[in-house]
N, C-alpha and C. Protein backbone atom coordinates (compact mmCIF):
# COMPACT_ATOMS: atom_id res chain seq x y z
N MET A 1 0.80 -1.20 -0.17
CA MET A 1 0.15 -0.11 -0.11
C MET A 1 1.06 1.57 -0.21
N THR A 2 1.02 2.55 -0.64
CA THR A 2 1.38 3.76 -0.60
C THR A 2 0.07 4.55 -0.52
N THR A 3 0.29 5.43 0.30
CA THR A 3 -0.55 6.61 0.54
C THR A 3 0.65 8.00 0.25
N THR A 4 -0.07 8.44 -0.77
CA THR A 4 0.72 9.52 -0.97
C THR A 4 -0.08 10.90 -0.56
N THR A 5 0.57 12.02 -0.09
CA THR A 5 0.62 12.94 0.65
C THR A 5 1.09 14.02 -0.11
N GLY A 6 -0.42 15.37 -0.67
CA GLY A 6 0.64 16.51 -0.82
C GLY A 6 0.39 17.34 -0.14
N THR A 7 0.02 18.87 -0.28
CA THR A 7 -0.27 19.98 0.70
C THR A 7 -1.23 19.85 0.90
N GLU A 8 -2.57 19.61 0.85
CA GLU A 8 -3.89 19.62 1.13
C GLU A 8 -4.70 18.11 0.36
N HIS A 9 -4.30 17.46 0.19
CA HIS A 9 -4.93 16.19 -0.54
C HIS A 9 -3.93 15.17 -0.51
N ALA A 10 -5.20 14.05 -0.13
CA ALA A 10 -4.07 12.34 -0.24
C ALA A 10 -4.76 11.63 -0.98
N SER A 11 -4.40 9.94 -0.94
CA SER A 11 -5.45 9.03 -1.27
C SER A 11 -4.66 7.65 -1.36
N ILE A 12 -5.61 6.96 -1.35
CA ILE A 12 -5.55 5.83 -0.49
C ILE A 12 -4.80 4.32 -1.80
N ILE A 13 -4.06 4.58 -2.30
CA ILE A 13 -3.57 3.60 -3.38
C ILE A 13 -2.65 1.97 -3.32
N LEU A 14 -3.49 1.05 -3.53
CA LEU A 14 -3.58 0.09 -3.40
C LEU A 14 -3.46 -0.92 -4.85
N ASP A 15 -2.09 -1.79 -4.90
CA ASP A 15 -1.21 -2.34 -5.73
C ASP A 15 -1.35 -4.11 -5.74
N GLU A 16 -2.55 -5.12 -6.04
CA GLU A 16 -2.32 -6.44 -5.58
C GLU A 16 -2.67 -6.90 -6.82
N VAL A 17 -1.94 -8.54 -6.96
CA VAL A 17 -2.31 -9.19 -8.20
C VAL A 17 -2.62 -10.60 -7.24
N PHE A 18 -4.19 -10.55 -8.58
CA PHE A 18 -4.68 -11.52 -8.09
C PHE A 18 -4.37 -13.10 -8.76
N PRO A 19 -4.46 -14.25 -8.16
CA PRO A 19 -4.32 -15.65 -9.39
C PRO A 19 -5.78 -15.42 -9.56
N HIS A 20 -6.64 -15.02 -10.54
CA HIS A 20 -7.36 -15.57 -10.90
C HIS A 20 -7.85 -14.04 -12.06
N ASP A 21 -8.47 -14.88 -13.31
CA ASP A 21 -8.82 -14.76 -14.73
C ASP A 21 -9.76 -13.09 -14.16
N LEU A 22 -9.05 -12.46 -15.29
CA LEU A 22 -10.09 -10.85 -15.52
C LEU A 22 -10.82 -11.00 -14.97
N PRO A 23 -12.34 -11.36 -15.91
CA PRO A 23 -13.18 -11.51 -15.88
C PRO A 23 -14.04 -11.95 -14.34
N ILE A 24 -13.52 -12.52 -13.73
CA ILE A 24 -13.72 -13.15 -12.34
C ILE A 24 -13.75 -12.03 -11.87
N VAL A 25 -12.56 -10.96 -11.61
CA VAL A 25 -12.85 -10.37 -10.51
C VAL A 25 -13.56 -8.95 -11.08
N TRP A 26 -13.62 -8.75 -12.62
CA TRP A 26 -14.78 -7.55 -12.76
C TRP A 26 -15.94 -8.21 -12.44
N GLN A 27 -16.63 -9.66 -12.73
CA GLN A 27 -17.81 -9.35 -12.25
C GLN A 27 -17.80 -9.26 -10.51
N ALA A 28 -16.51 -9.73 -9.58
CA ALA A 28 -16.87 -9.07 -8.14
C ALA A 28 -16.68 -8.13 -7.86
N LEU A 29 -16.56 -7.09 -8.84
CA LEU A 29 -16.43 -6.11 -8.88
C LEU A 29 -17.64 -4.95 -8.85
N THR A 30 -18.30 -5.40 -10.00
CA THR A 30 -19.36 -5.08 -10.53
C THR A 30 -20.94 -5.27 -10.14
N SER A 31 -20.99 -6.39 -9.30
CA SER A 31 -22.27 -7.20 -9.56
C SER A 31 -22.71 -6.65 -8.03
N ALA A 32 -24.19 -6.00 -7.65
CA ALA A 32 -23.88 -5.64 -6.50
C ALA A 32 -24.06 -6.94 -5.23
N ALA A 33 -24.82 -7.78 -5.39
CA ALA A 33 -24.88 -9.42 -4.82
C ALA A 33 -23.33 -9.46 -4.21
N LEU A 34 -22.38 -9.50 -5.03
CA LEU A 34 -21.04 -9.44 -4.69
C LEU A 34 -20.36 -8.84 -4.34
N ILE A 35 -20.36 -7.36 -4.62
CA ILE A 35 -20.31 -6.11 -3.67
C ILE A 35 -20.51 -6.02 -1.92
N ALA A 36 -21.87 -6.20 -1.94
CA ALA A 36 -22.52 -6.47 -0.72
C ALA A 36 -21.74 -7.57 0.13
N ARG A 37 -20.83 -8.75 -0.54
CA ARG A 37 -19.75 -9.32 0.31
C ARG A 37 -18.75 -9.15 0.49
N TRP A 38 -18.12 -8.16 0.27
CA TRP A 38 -16.86 -7.92 0.22
C TRP A 38 -16.55 -6.52 0.42
N LEU A 39 -18.28 -5.46 0.85
CA LEU A 39 -17.36 -4.66 0.82
C LEU A 39 -18.64 -4.32 2.06
N MET A 40 -20.15 -3.62 1.53
CA MET A 40 -21.48 -3.38 1.91
C MET A 40 -22.43 -3.57 0.76
N PRO A 41 -23.59 -3.60 1.51
CA PRO A 41 -24.43 -3.94 0.40
C PRO A 41 -24.80 -2.38 -0.66
N PRO A 42 -24.50 -2.26 -1.18
CA PRO A 42 -24.91 -1.16 -2.33
C PRO A 42 -26.51 -0.91 -2.70
N GLU A 43 -27.16 -0.41 -2.41
CA GLU A 43 -28.58 0.03 -3.27
C GLU A 43 -29.03 0.87 -3.91
N GLY A 44 -28.96 0.11 -5.05
CA GLY A 44 -29.41 0.58 -6.10
C GLY A 44 -28.01 0.75 -7.55
N PHE A 45 -27.17 -0.08 -6.65
CA PHE A 45 -25.44 -0.24 -7.74
C PHE A 45 -25.36 -0.43 -9.14
N GLN A 46 -25.67 -0.57 -10.29
CA GLN A 46 -25.62 -0.94 -11.56
C GLN A 46 -24.07 -0.61 -12.53
N PRO A 47 -23.58 -1.09 -12.98
CA PRO A 47 -22.32 -0.59 -13.33
C PRO A 47 -22.71 0.32 -14.29
N VAL A 48 -23.19 1.10 -14.36
CA VAL A 48 -23.74 2.20 -15.76
C VAL A 48 -23.09 3.36 -15.28
N VAL A 49 -22.77 4.18 -16.05
CA VAL A 49 -22.26 5.78 -16.04
C VAL A 49 -23.59 6.66 -15.25
N GLY A 50 -23.56 7.63 -14.53
CA GLY A 50 -24.97 8.35 -13.79
C GLY A 50 -25.26 7.87 -12.89
N THR A 51 -24.92 5.90 -12.51
CA THR A 51 -26.29 5.78 -11.60
C THR A 51 -25.96 6.75 -10.33
N GLN A 52 -26.56 6.46 -9.46
CA GLN A 52 -26.14 6.78 -8.40
C GLN A 52 -27.43 5.89 -7.66
N PHE A 53 -26.01 5.58 -6.17
CA PHE A 53 -26.71 4.52 -5.16
C PHE A 53 -25.66 5.11 -3.75
N THR A 54 -26.07 4.08 -2.48
CA THR A 54 -25.68 4.36 -1.54
C THR A 54 -25.02 3.35 -0.65
N PHE A 55 -24.25 4.10 0.45
CA PHE A 55 -23.87 2.41 1.14
C PHE A 55 -24.09 3.22 2.45
N THR A 56 -24.58 2.75 3.43
CA THR A 56 -24.88 2.90 5.38
C THR A 56 -24.04 2.24 5.92
N THR A 57 -23.32 2.88 6.88
CA THR A 57 -22.47 2.46 7.36
C THR A 57 -22.77 2.89 9.00
N ARG A 58 -21.90 3.37 9.97
CA ARG A 58 -22.25 3.73 10.78
C ARG A 58 -22.51 5.56 11.67
N PRO A 59 -23.46 6.01 11.83
CA PRO A 59 -23.86 7.01 11.74
C PRO A 59 -22.44 7.81 13.12
N ALA A 60 -22.33 9.00 12.43
CA ALA A 60 -21.98 9.89 13.18
C ALA A 60 -21.99 12.09 13.69
N GLY A 61 -22.35 11.89 14.54
CA GLY A 61 -23.12 13.63 14.80
C GLY A 61 -24.07 13.90 13.78
N ALA A 62 -23.91 14.80 12.89
CA ALA A 62 -24.91 15.20 12.50
C ALA A 62 -24.75 14.23 11.09
N TRP A 63 -23.96 13.27 10.80
CA TRP A 63 -23.72 12.86 9.52
C TRP A 63 -24.74 11.35 9.66
N ASP A 64 -25.46 10.70 8.99
CA ASP A 64 -26.78 9.71 8.72
C ASP A 64 -26.27 8.62 8.36
N GLY A 65 -24.83 8.53 8.16
CA GLY A 65 -24.25 7.39 7.60
C GLY A 65 -24.20 6.90 6.63
N THR A 66 -24.93 7.56 5.27
CA THR A 66 -25.03 7.30 4.22
C THR A 66 -23.87 7.51 3.46
N ILE A 67 -23.31 6.44 2.43
CA ILE A 67 -22.70 7.59 1.46
C ILE A 67 -23.02 7.22 0.39
N ARG A 68 -23.20 8.47 -0.23
CA ARG A 68 -23.87 9.25 -1.50
C ARG A 68 -22.60 8.63 -2.64
N CYS A 69 -22.92 7.48 -3.91
CA CYS A 69 -22.35 7.38 -4.58
C CYS A 69 -22.40 7.70 -6.23
N GLU A 70 -22.11 7.76 -6.91
CA GLU A 70 -22.35 7.53 -8.58
C GLU A 70 -21.28 7.38 -9.44
N VAL A 71 -21.71 6.34 -10.06
CA VAL A 71 -20.88 6.14 -10.76
C VAL A 71 -20.29 6.91 -12.06
N LEU A 72 -18.62 7.10 -12.13
CA LEU A 72 -18.00 8.08 -12.72
C LEU A 72 -17.95 7.55 -14.54
N GLU A 73 -17.06 6.21 -14.04
CA GLU A 73 -16.75 5.87 -15.29
C GLU A 73 -16.97 4.18 -15.15
N VAL A 74 -17.07 3.51 -16.52
CA VAL A 74 -17.45 2.06 -16.65
C VAL A 74 -16.20 1.81 -17.73
N ILE A 75 -15.28 1.00 -18.02
CA ILE A 75 -14.75 0.45 -18.99
C ILE A 75 -14.19 -1.06 -19.07
N GLU A 76 -15.14 -2.02 -19.42
CA GLU A 76 -15.57 -3.39 -19.40
C GLU A 76 -14.50 -3.74 -19.02
N ASN A 77 -14.15 -4.49 -17.56
CA ASN A 77 -13.17 -5.43 -17.38
C ASN A 77 -11.62 -4.61 -17.60
N GLU A 78 -11.84 -3.08 -17.58
CA GLU A 78 -10.67 -2.42 -17.15
C GLU A 78 -10.58 -1.14 -16.18
N ARG A 79 -11.68 -1.14 -16.15
CA ARG A 79 -12.02 -0.24 -14.82
C ARG A 79 -13.45 0.30 -14.55
N LEU A 80 -13.32 0.91 -13.23
CA LEU A 80 -14.60 1.14 -12.46
C LEU A 80 -14.46 2.27 -11.28
N SER A 81 -14.66 3.20 -11.90
CA SER A 81 -15.00 4.61 -11.32
C SER A 81 -16.15 5.04 -10.10
N TYR A 82 -16.50 5.60 -9.02
CA TYR A 82 -17.36 6.18 -8.44
C TYR A 82 -17.30 7.07 -6.94
N ALA A 83 -18.00 8.18 -7.54
CA ALA A 83 -17.58 8.77 -6.54
C ALA A 83 -17.92 8.02 -5.11
N TRP A 84 -17.54 9.29 -3.60
CA TRP A 84 -17.77 8.04 -2.65
C TRP A 84 -18.19 9.81 -1.92
N ARG A 85 -19.13 9.92 -1.80
CA ARG A 85 -19.58 11.13 -0.80
C ARG A 85 -20.26 10.65 0.12
N GLY A 86 -19.54 11.53 1.69
CA GLY A 86 -20.77 11.35 2.90
C GLY A 86 -20.35 12.44 3.80
N GLY A 87 -20.33 12.16 5.16
CA GLY A 87 -20.19 13.11 5.68
C GLY A 87 -20.91 14.41 6.40
N ASP A 88 -20.53 15.06 7.59
CA ASP A 88 -21.54 16.23 7.26
C ASP A 88 -20.47 17.34 7.69
N ALA A 89 -20.04 18.34 7.57
CA ALA A 89 -19.18 19.82 7.37
C ALA A 89 -19.16 19.88 9.08
N GLY A 90 -20.48 19.41 9.98
CA GLY A 90 -20.32 20.00 11.01
C GLY A 90 -19.46 19.16 11.97
N ASN A 91 -19.19 17.89 11.51
CA ASN A 91 -18.38 16.98 11.74
C ASN A 91 -16.70 16.99 12.24
N GLN A 92 -15.95 17.03 12.73
CA GLN A 92 -14.98 16.63 12.94
C GLN A 92 -14.39 15.61 13.08
N GLY A 93 -13.23 14.85 12.97
CA GLY A 93 -12.64 13.03 12.87
C GLY A 93 -13.49 12.70 11.88
N TYR A 94 -13.84 11.53 12.39
CA TYR A 94 -15.17 10.34 11.58
C TYR A 94 -16.62 11.27 11.29
N GLY A 95 -16.78 11.23 10.69
CA GLY A 95 -18.04 11.38 9.87
C GLY A 95 -17.93 12.96 9.15
N SER A 96 -16.58 13.32 9.54
CA SER A 96 -16.18 15.23 8.57
C SER A 96 -16.93 14.74 6.67
N ARG A 97 -16.65 15.64 6.58
CA ARG A 97 -17.36 15.44 4.97
C ARG A 97 -16.80 15.31 4.13
N LEU A 98 -17.18 14.61 3.50
CA LEU A 98 -16.42 13.53 2.20
C LEU A 98 -16.47 13.78 1.03
N ASP A 99 -15.80 14.30 -0.05
CA ASP A 99 -15.98 14.51 -1.49
C ASP A 99 -14.77 13.70 -2.30
N THR A 100 -14.83 11.99 -2.41
CA THR A 100 -13.88 11.19 -3.02
C THR A 100 -13.98 10.68 -4.03
N VAL A 101 -13.34 10.01 -4.67
CA VAL A 101 -13.27 9.08 -5.82
C VAL A 101 -12.77 7.71 -5.73
N VAL A 102 -13.50 6.56 -5.73
CA VAL A 102 -12.99 5.46 -5.73
C VAL A 102 -12.47 4.80 -7.38
N THR A 103 -11.23 4.40 -7.60
CA THR A 103 -11.13 3.73 -8.79
C THR A 103 -10.85 2.76 -9.26
N PHE A 104 -10.99 1.51 -9.62
CA PHE A 104 -10.92 0.30 -9.18
C PHE A 104 -10.16 -0.47 -11.04
N SER A 105 -8.97 -0.12 -11.42
CA SER A 105 -8.09 -0.72 -12.46
C SER A 105 -8.09 -1.95 -12.67
N LEU A 106 -7.75 -3.18 -13.98
CA LEU A 106 -7.52 -4.14 -13.75
C LEU A 106 -6.50 -4.70 -15.05
N ALA A 107 -5.66 -4.87 -15.13
CA ALA A 107 -5.27 -5.28 -16.12
C ALA A 107 -4.05 -7.42 -16.41
N ARG A 108 -4.50 -7.60 -17.50
CA ARG A 108 -4.37 -8.64 -17.22
C ARG A 108 -2.94 -8.99 -16.80
N VAL A 109 -2.20 -9.84 -15.86
CA VAL A 109 -0.89 -10.20 -15.72
C VAL A 109 -0.26 -11.65 -16.00
N GLU A 110 1.16 -11.19 -15.67
CA GLU A 110 1.39 -13.08 -15.95
C GLU A 110 0.76 -13.63 -14.57
N GLY A 111 0.34 -14.79 -14.35
CA GLY A 111 -0.15 -14.89 -13.00
C GLY A 111 -1.46 -14.97 -12.37
N GLY A 112 -2.43 -13.88 -13.33
CA GLY A 112 -3.75 -13.57 -13.54
C GLY A 112 -3.96 -12.47 -13.38
N THR A 113 -4.41 -11.24 -12.72
CA THR A 113 -4.75 -9.92 -12.68
C THR A 113 -4.24 -9.03 -11.17
N ARG A 114 -3.96 -7.83 -12.18
CA ARG A 114 -3.54 -6.63 -11.13
C ARG A 114 -4.77 -6.14 -11.54
N ILE A 115 -4.76 -5.66 -9.44
CA ILE A 115 -5.93 -5.00 -9.51
C ILE A 115 -5.00 -3.29 -9.02
N ARG A 116 -5.60 -2.47 -8.82
CA ARG A 116 -4.82 -1.07 -8.46
C ARG A 116 -6.37 -1.03 -8.43
N LEU A 117 -6.75 -0.42 -6.88
CA LEU A 117 -7.74 0.36 -5.84
C LEU A 117 -6.87 2.07 -5.72
N ILE A 118 -7.49 3.13 -6.11
CA ILE A 118 -6.75 4.56 -5.67
C ILE A 118 -8.14 5.14 -5.36
N HIS A 119 -8.08 5.39 -3.86
CA HIS A 119 -9.69 6.43 -3.05
C HIS A 119 -8.56 7.91 -2.52
N SER A 120 -8.67 8.72 -3.77
CA SER A 120 -7.92 9.80 -3.97
C SER A 120 -9.46 11.01 -3.41
N GLY A 121 -8.92 12.24 -3.31
CA GLY A 121 -9.65 13.54 -2.87
C GLY A 121 -9.28 13.28 -1.57
N PHE A 122 -8.69 12.63 -0.71
CA PHE A 122 -9.06 13.48 0.94
C PHE A 122 -8.75 14.39 1.15
N VAL A 123 -8.92 15.72 1.52
CA VAL A 123 -8.55 16.96 2.00
C VAL A 123 -8.09 17.19 3.49
N LEU A 124 -6.70 17.25 3.31
CA LEU A 124 -6.37 16.77 4.86
C LEU A 124 -5.98 18.87 5.18
N PRO A 125 -6.25 18.85 6.61
CA PRO A 125 -6.21 17.62 8.06
C PRO A 125 -7.79 17.55 8.32
N SER A 126 -8.52 17.92 7.42
CA SER A 126 -10.17 17.58 7.53
C SER A 126 -10.19 15.94 7.65
N ASN A 127 -10.26 15.67 6.45
CA ASN A 127 -10.18 14.23 6.45
C ASN A 127 -9.25 13.20 6.85
N GLU A 128 -8.47 13.72 7.91
CA GLU A 128 -7.17 12.82 7.78
C GLU A 128 -7.71 11.71 8.67
N SER A 129 -9.18 11.63 10.08
CA SER A 129 -9.24 10.47 9.97
C SER A 129 -9.88 9.81 9.32
N ALA A 130 -10.63 10.13 8.52
CA ALA A 130 -11.19 9.32 7.63
C ALA A 130 -9.92 8.41 6.50
N HIS A 131 -8.90 9.08 6.14
CA HIS A 131 -7.86 8.91 5.38
C HIS A 131 -6.99 7.76 6.57
N LYS A 132 -7.27 7.65 7.74
CA LYS A 132 -5.99 6.98 8.50
C LYS A 132 -7.26 5.64 8.48
N VAL A 133 -8.21 5.97 8.71
CA VAL A 133 -9.23 4.52 9.19
C VAL A 133 -9.27 3.77 7.78
N MET A 134 -9.82 4.42 6.16
CA MET A 134 -9.95 4.06 5.39
C MET A 134 -8.63 3.43 4.79
N SER A 135 -8.06 3.94 5.43
CA SER A 135 -6.29 3.31 4.60
C SER A 135 -6.72 1.92 4.76
N GLU A 136 -6.36 1.77 6.37
CA GLU A 136 -6.76 0.49 7.10
C GLU A 136 -7.65 -0.94 5.65
N GLY A 137 -8.83 0.22 6.27
CA GLY A 137 -10.18 -0.63 5.73
C GLY A 137 -9.91 -1.49 4.52
N TRP A 138 -9.56 -0.38 3.35
CA TRP A 138 -9.59 -0.97 2.55
C TRP A 138 -8.76 -2.18 2.15
N LYS A 139 -7.39 -2.17 3.22
CA LYS A 139 -6.55 -3.39 2.97
C LYS A 139 -7.66 -4.82 3.18
N THR A 140 -8.07 -4.44 4.73
CA THR A 140 -9.08 -5.61 4.84
C THR A 140 -10.22 -6.24 3.83
N VAL A 141 -11.15 -4.92 3.18
CA VAL A 141 -11.49 -5.02 1.66
C VAL A 141 -11.14 -6.02 0.36
N VAL A 142 -10.18 -5.64 0.41
CA VAL A 142 -9.62 -6.19 -0.91
C VAL A 142 -9.25 -7.84 -0.48
N GLY A 143 -8.74 -8.09 1.01
CA GLY A 143 -8.30 -9.01 1.27
C GLY A 143 -9.57 -10.09 0.59
N ARG A 144 -10.78 -9.46 1.37
CA ARG A 144 -12.36 -10.29 1.63
C ARG A 144 -12.40 -10.67 0.19
N LEU A 145 -12.20 -9.62 -0.65
CA LEU A 145 -12.75 -9.83 -2.27
C LEU A 145 -11.92 -10.82 -2.90
N ASP A 146 -10.87 -10.72 -2.12
CA ASP A 146 -9.64 -11.73 -3.11
C ASP A 146 -10.50 -13.20 -2.50
N SER A 147 -10.56 -13.18 -1.25
CA SER A 147 -10.59 -14.51 -0.30
C SER A 147 -12.54 -14.90 -1.20
N LEU A 148 -13.40 -14.14 -1.18
CA LEU A 148 -14.82 -14.40 -2.38
C LEU A 148 -14.51 -14.93 -3.56
N ILE A 149 -13.62 -13.66 -4.28
CA ILE A 149 -12.84 -14.93 -6.04
C ILE A 149 -12.89 -16.31 -5.45
N SER A 150 -11.79 -16.46 -4.74
CA SER A 150 -10.80 -17.53 -4.61
C SER A 150 -11.67 -18.89 -4.14
N ASP A 151 -12.73 -18.22 -3.12
CA ASP A 151 -13.67 -19.21 -1.91
C ASP A 151 -14.81 -19.61 -3.47
N ASP A 152 -15.42 -19.24 -3.26
CA ASP A 152 -16.76 -18.91 -4.17
C ASP A 152 -16.78 -18.87 -5.79
N LEU A 153 -16.53 -17.35 -6.24
CA LEU A 153 -16.48 -17.27 -7.65
C LEU A 153 -16.12 -18.86 -8.57
N LEU A 154 -14.77 -18.78 -8.16
CA LEU A 154 -13.91 -19.81 -8.50
C LEU A 154 -14.59 -21.24 -8.53
N ALA A 155 -15.16 -21.94 -7.48
CA ALA A 155 -15.74 -22.84 -7.26
C ALA A 155 -16.84 -22.65 -8.00
N ASP A 156 -18.13 -21.68 -8.52
CA ASP A 156 -19.17 -21.55 -9.24
C ASP A 156 -18.74 -21.96 -10.80
N THR A 157 -17.55 -21.40 -11.00
CA THR A 157 -17.35 -21.67 -12.50
C THR A 157 -16.27 -22.76 -12.66
N GLN A 158 -15.99 -23.65 -11.59
CA GLN A 158 -15.79 -25.47 -12.06
C GLN A 158 -16.89 -26.02 -12.24
N HIS A 159 -18.02 -25.96 -11.64
CA HIS A 159 -18.85 -26.52 -11.64
C HIS A 159 -19.33 -26.99 -13.11
């Protein structure tokens, strides 16, 4: 994992190689039922540019816990990008206003599929808490994604 920090912005970057075929990884990234199993249940998700959907997590202060998303880019088997917005301007730390973008890029490599996750747009210092928590959280989530593919999706394709 690499974290890049400028004077005002930070990103979370994860770069992993999964020992899975690219179309199977793409399926796990673009199926609402599967996203619910490795990230959290999306409400209204479809891999179509302009689709608005939500995730719900633990509320904090004036924030109701709703993460408002919009699909920004879909290039089949290559890239999925969506806005990730939540929080409240009145909150400090967890639950502060967040207006970021999550991008998954895929590429075939020897031995499987390279998955690169970039969660960009954290404004420091106001999003410092979210950046720290989500840096660790994305590591866990990407691990669950790999496990889901290994345990469930590959088993389904072999029957």
